[in-house]
């Protein structure tokens, strides 16, 4: 497993189990933008910048943030043949 480079912090919302890697004080690696001033973020679904990784029981790092921070290639999409209904239905 590749290591994730040190960031300026993490961006998360108490209502969302997925957290993001901060690229700057108001932007994540996947393109999420923090709106408003930190003292105005009062709702549970507002994103917050924190210095430490969230440690709740069920949390996961955003896959796009992880991929962009580590430089991993973008995953390949399945072929159209696999996505067609004709390939999924087997009539004897």
N, C-alpha and C. Protein backbone atom coordinates (compact mmCIF):
# COMPACT_ATOMS: atom_id res chain seq x y z
N UNK A 1 0.84 -1.17 0.00
CA UNK A 1 0.00 0.00 0.00
C UNK A 1 0.89 1.24 0.00
N UNK A 2 0.53 2.23 -0.81
CA UNK A 2 1.32 3.44 -0.91
C UNK A 2 1.03 4.35 0.27
N UNK A 3 2.03 5.08 0.69
CA UNK A 3 1.81 6.02 1.78
C UNK A 3 1.28 7.33 1.23
N UNK A 4 0.49 7.99 2.03
CA UNK A 4 -0.10 9.26 1.64
C UNK A 4 0.80 10.36 2.18
N UNK A 5 1.19 11.33 1.35
CA UNK A 5 2.06 12.39 1.83
C UNK A 5 1.39 13.23 2.91
N UNK A 6 2.22 13.85 3.74
CA UNK A 6 1.68 14.69 4.81
C UNK A 6 0.91 15.86 4.20
N UNK A 7 -0.23 16.15 4.76
CA UNK A 7 -1.05 17.24 4.28
C UNK A 7 -1.15 18.30 5.35
N UNK A 8 -1.84 19.36 5.02
CA UNK A 8 -2.05 20.43 5.99
C UNK A 8 -3.17 20.07 6.95
N UNK A 9 -3.88 19.02 6.69
CA UNK A 9 -4.97 18.62 7.56
C UNK A 9 -5.98 17.78 6.81
N UNK A 10 -7.10 17.59 7.45
CA UNK A 10 -8.18 16.79 6.90
C UNK A 10 -9.44 17.62 6.91
N UNK A 11 -10.31 17.36 5.96
CA UNK A 11 -11.59 18.06 5.88
C UNK A 11 -12.68 17.01 6.03
N UNK A 12 -13.57 17.24 6.99
CA UNK A 12 -14.63 16.29 7.20
C UNK A 12 -15.87 17.00 7.74
N UNK A 13 -16.97 16.28 7.72
CA UNK A 13 -18.23 16.74 8.28
C UNK A 13 -18.66 15.70 9.32
N UNK A 14 -19.10 16.12 10.49
CA UNK A 14 -19.53 15.14 11.49
C UNK A 14 -20.65 14.22 11.01
N UNK A 15 -21.44 14.65 10.05
CA UNK A 15 -22.54 13.82 9.54
C UNK A 15 -22.12 12.84 8.45
N UNK A 16 -20.92 13.00 7.89
CA UNK A 16 -20.50 12.19 6.76
C UNK A 16 -19.34 11.28 7.18
N UNK A 17 -19.42 9.98 6.89
CA UNK A 17 -18.34 9.08 7.29
C UNK A 17 -17.09 9.18 6.40
N UNK A 18 -17.16 9.92 5.30
CA UNK A 18 -16.02 10.04 4.40
C UNK A 18 -15.31 11.36 4.67
N UNK A 19 -13.98 11.29 4.85
CA UNK A 19 -13.21 12.51 5.05
C UNK A 19 -12.27 12.70 3.86
N UNK A 20 -11.74 13.90 3.73
CA UNK A 20 -10.94 14.28 2.57
C UNK A 20 -9.59 14.82 3.02
N UNK A 21 -8.61 14.76 2.12
CA UNK A 21 -7.29 15.34 2.38
C UNK A 21 -7.30 16.80 1.95
N UNK A 22 -6.83 17.67 2.84
CA UNK A 22 -6.81 19.10 2.54
C UNK A 22 -5.65 19.43 1.62
N UNK A 23 -5.96 20.17 0.58
CA UNK A 23 -4.92 20.65 -0.33
C UNK A 23 -4.49 22.05 0.09
N UNK A 24 -5.44 22.81 0.61
CA UNK A 24 -5.19 24.13 1.18
C UNK A 24 -6.19 24.31 2.31
N UNK A 25 -6.31 25.50 2.84
CA UNK A 25 -7.23 25.72 3.95
C UNK A 25 -8.69 25.60 3.55
N UNK A 26 -8.97 25.72 2.26
CA UNK A 26 -10.37 25.69 1.84
C UNK A 26 -10.64 24.78 0.64
N UNK A 27 -9.68 23.92 0.26
CA UNK A 27 -9.84 23.06 -0.91
C UNK A 27 -9.30 21.67 -0.63
N UNK A 28 -10.00 20.65 -1.14
CA UNK A 28 -9.53 19.27 -0.99
C UNK A 28 -8.87 18.82 -2.28
N UNK A 29 -8.21 17.67 -2.24
CA UNK A 29 -7.58 17.11 -3.44
C UNK A 29 -8.61 16.73 -4.49
N UNK A 30 -9.82 16.36 -4.06
CA UNK A 30 -10.85 15.96 -5.03
C UNK A 30 -11.68 17.13 -5.53
N UNK A 31 -11.42 18.33 -5.03
CA UNK A 31 -12.11 19.50 -5.56
C UNK A 31 -13.22 20.05 -4.69
N UNK A 32 -13.45 19.52 -3.50
CA UNK A 32 -14.44 20.11 -2.61
C UNK A 32 -13.94 21.43 -2.09
N UNK A 33 -14.83 22.39 -1.96
CA UNK A 33 -14.46 23.71 -1.52
C UNK A 33 -15.19 24.02 -0.22
N UNK A 34 -14.47 24.53 0.78
CA UNK A 34 -15.09 24.95 2.04
C UNK A 34 -15.66 26.34 1.85
N UNK A 35 -16.95 26.50 2.16
CA UNK A 35 -17.60 27.80 2.02
C UNK A 35 -17.71 28.47 3.38
N UNK A 36 -17.59 29.76 3.39
CA UNK A 36 -17.78 30.52 4.62
C UNK A 36 -16.57 30.52 5.52
N UNK A 37 -16.67 31.29 6.57
CA UNK A 37 -15.59 31.40 7.54
C UNK A 37 -15.70 30.28 8.56
N UNK A 38 -14.58 29.85 9.16
CA UNK A 38 -14.64 28.74 10.13
C UNK A 38 -15.59 29.00 11.29
N UNK A 39 -15.67 30.22 11.76
CA UNK A 39 -16.56 30.50 12.90
C UNK A 39 -18.04 30.49 12.51
N UNK A 40 -18.35 30.51 11.21
CA UNK A 40 -19.73 30.47 10.75
C UNK A 40 -20.22 29.05 10.48
N UNK A 41 -19.34 28.06 10.54
CA UNK A 41 -19.72 26.67 10.27
C UNK A 41 -20.28 26.05 11.55
N UNK A 42 -21.58 26.00 11.66
CA UNK A 42 -22.21 25.54 12.89
C UNK A 42 -23.06 24.28 12.71
N UNK A 43 -23.52 24.02 11.49
CA UNK A 43 -24.35 22.83 11.27
C UNK A 43 -23.50 21.58 11.24
N UNK A 44 -24.12 20.43 11.54
CA UNK A 44 -23.36 19.18 11.56
C UNK A 44 -22.91 18.74 10.18
N UNK A 45 -23.59 19.20 9.12
CA UNK A 45 -23.19 18.79 7.78
C UNK A 45 -22.20 19.77 7.14
N UNK A 46 -21.78 20.81 7.85
CA UNK A 46 -20.77 21.73 7.33
C UNK A 46 -19.39 21.07 7.38
N UNK A 47 -18.63 21.24 6.31
CA UNK A 47 -17.27 20.70 6.26
C UNK A 47 -16.35 21.54 7.14
N UNK A 48 -15.41 20.86 7.81
CA UNK A 48 -14.48 21.55 8.70
C UNK A 48 -13.06 21.09 8.42
N UNK A 49 -12.10 21.99 8.62
CA UNK A 49 -10.69 21.66 8.50
C UNK A 49 -10.17 21.30 9.89
N UNK A 50 -9.60 20.10 10.02
CA UNK A 50 -9.05 19.66 11.31
C UNK A 50 -7.62 19.18 11.08
N UNK A 51 -6.74 19.36 12.08
CA UNK A 51 -5.34 18.95 11.89
C UNK A 51 -5.11 17.44 11.98
N UNK A 52 -5.98 16.72 12.70
CA UNK A 52 -5.79 15.29 12.91
C UNK A 52 -6.84 14.48 12.15
N UNK A 53 -6.46 13.28 11.80
CA UNK A 53 -7.35 12.36 11.09
C UNK A 53 -8.56 12.03 11.96
N UNK A 54 -9.79 12.09 11.40
CA UNK A 54 -10.97 11.73 12.19
C UNK A 54 -10.86 10.29 12.68
N UNK A 55 -11.23 10.06 13.93
CA UNK A 55 -11.03 8.74 14.54
C UNK A 55 -12.34 8.08 14.94
N UNK A 56 -13.43 8.45 14.33
CA UNK A 56 -14.69 7.77 14.63
C UNK A 56 -14.61 6.33 14.16
N UNK A 57 -15.56 5.53 14.60
CA UNK A 57 -15.51 4.10 14.29
C UNK A 57 -15.64 3.82 12.80
N UNK A 58 -16.56 4.48 12.12
CA UNK A 58 -16.79 4.22 10.70
C UNK A 58 -16.43 5.45 9.88
N UNK A 59 -15.17 5.54 9.49
CA UNK A 59 -14.73 6.62 8.61
C UNK A 59 -13.88 6.02 7.49
N UNK A 60 -13.89 6.70 6.37
CA UNK A 60 -13.10 6.24 5.22
C UNK A 60 -12.58 7.45 4.46
N UNK A 61 -11.40 7.31 3.91
CA UNK A 61 -10.80 8.37 3.11
C UNK A 61 -11.44 8.37 1.73
N UNK A 62 -11.71 9.54 1.21
CA UNK A 62 -12.27 9.71 -0.14
C UNK A 62 -11.31 9.06 -1.14
N UNK A 63 -11.81 8.19 -2.00
CA UNK A 63 -10.94 7.47 -2.93
C UNK A 63 -10.28 8.41 -3.94
N UNK A 64 -10.96 9.47 -4.34
CA UNK A 64 -10.37 10.42 -5.28
C UNK A 64 -9.24 11.19 -4.62
N UNK A 65 -9.42 11.61 -3.36
CA UNK A 65 -8.35 12.31 -2.64
C UNK A 65 -7.13 11.40 -2.49
N UNK A 66 -7.36 10.14 -2.15
CA UNK A 66 -6.26 9.21 -1.96
C UNK A 66 -5.52 8.98 -3.27
N UNK A 67 -6.26 8.79 -4.36
CA UNK A 67 -5.64 8.54 -5.66
C UNK A 67 -4.81 9.74 -6.12
N UNK A 68 -5.34 10.95 -5.96
CA UNK A 68 -4.61 12.14 -6.41
C UNK A 68 -3.41 12.44 -5.53
N UNK A 69 -3.51 12.16 -4.22
CA UNK A 69 -2.40 12.43 -3.32
C UNK A 69 -1.25 11.45 -3.52
N UNK A 70 -1.57 10.21 -3.87
CA UNK A 70 -0.52 9.20 -4.04
C UNK A 70 -0.03 9.12 -5.49
N UNK A 71 -0.75 9.73 -6.42
CA UNK A 71 -0.36 9.68 -7.82
C UNK A 71 -0.75 8.38 -8.50
N UNK A 72 -1.67 7.64 -7.90
CA UNK A 72 -2.12 6.38 -8.49
C UNK A 72 -2.92 6.66 -9.77
N UNK A 73 -2.89 5.73 -10.73
CA UNK A 73 -3.64 5.95 -11.97
C UNK A 73 -5.14 5.85 -11.72
N UNK A 74 -5.88 6.49 -12.61
CA UNK A 74 -7.35 6.44 -12.50
C UNK A 74 -7.81 5.03 -12.86
N UNK A 75 -8.79 4.49 -12.12
CA UNK A 75 -9.24 3.13 -12.42
C UNK A 75 -9.88 3.04 -13.80
N UNK A 76 -9.71 1.89 -14.44
CA UNK A 76 -10.30 1.69 -15.77
C UNK A 76 -11.76 1.32 -15.62
N UNK A 77 -12.55 1.81 -16.54
CA UNK A 77 -13.99 1.49 -16.56
C UNK A 77 -14.19 0.12 -17.19
N UNK A 78 -15.26 -0.59 -16.80
CA UNK A 78 -15.53 -1.88 -17.42
C UNK A 78 -15.91 -1.69 -18.89
N UNK A 79 -15.70 -2.72 -19.67
CA UNK A 79 -16.03 -2.63 -21.10
C UNK A 79 -17.54 -2.55 -21.27
N UNK A 80 -17.96 -2.00 -22.40
CA UNK A 80 -19.38 -1.85 -22.67
C UNK A 80 -20.07 -3.20 -22.82
N UNK A 81 -19.34 -4.23 -23.23
CA UNK A 81 -19.92 -5.56 -23.35
C UNK A 81 -20.37 -6.09 -21.99
N UNK A 82 -19.61 -5.78 -20.97
CA UNK A 82 -19.98 -6.23 -19.63
C UNK A 82 -21.19 -5.47 -19.09
N UNK A 83 -21.39 -4.26 -19.57
CA UNK A 83 -22.48 -3.44 -19.08
C UNK A 83 -23.79 -3.66 -19.83
N UNK A 84 -23.76 -4.33 -20.98
CA UNK A 84 -24.98 -4.52 -21.75
C UNK A 84 -25.87 -5.57 -21.09
N UNK A 85 -27.16 -5.41 -21.25
CA UNK A 85 -28.12 -6.35 -20.66
C UNK A 85 -28.04 -7.71 -21.35
N UNK A 86 -27.69 -7.72 -22.63
CA UNK A 86 -27.60 -8.97 -23.36
C UNK A 86 -26.56 -9.90 -22.75
N UNK A 87 -25.48 -9.32 -22.23
CA UNK A 87 -24.44 -10.14 -21.60
C UNK A 87 -24.82 -10.65 -20.22
N UNK A 88 -25.80 -9.99 -19.60
CA UNK A 88 -26.20 -10.38 -18.25
C UNK A 88 -27.33 -11.41 -18.24
N UNK A 89 -28.12 -11.46 -19.30
CA UNK A 89 -29.26 -12.36 -19.35
C UNK A 89 -28.87 -13.65 -20.08
N UNK A 90 -29.06 -14.76 -19.43
CA UNK A 90 -28.73 -16.06 -20.02
C UNK A 90 -30.03 -16.83 -20.17
N UNK A 91 -30.55 -16.91 -21.38
CA UNK A 91 -31.79 -17.63 -21.65
C UNK A 91 -31.46 -18.97 -22.25
N UNK A 92 -31.87 -20.07 -21.57
CA UNK A 92 -31.58 -21.42 -22.11
C UNK A 92 -32.46 -21.79 -23.27
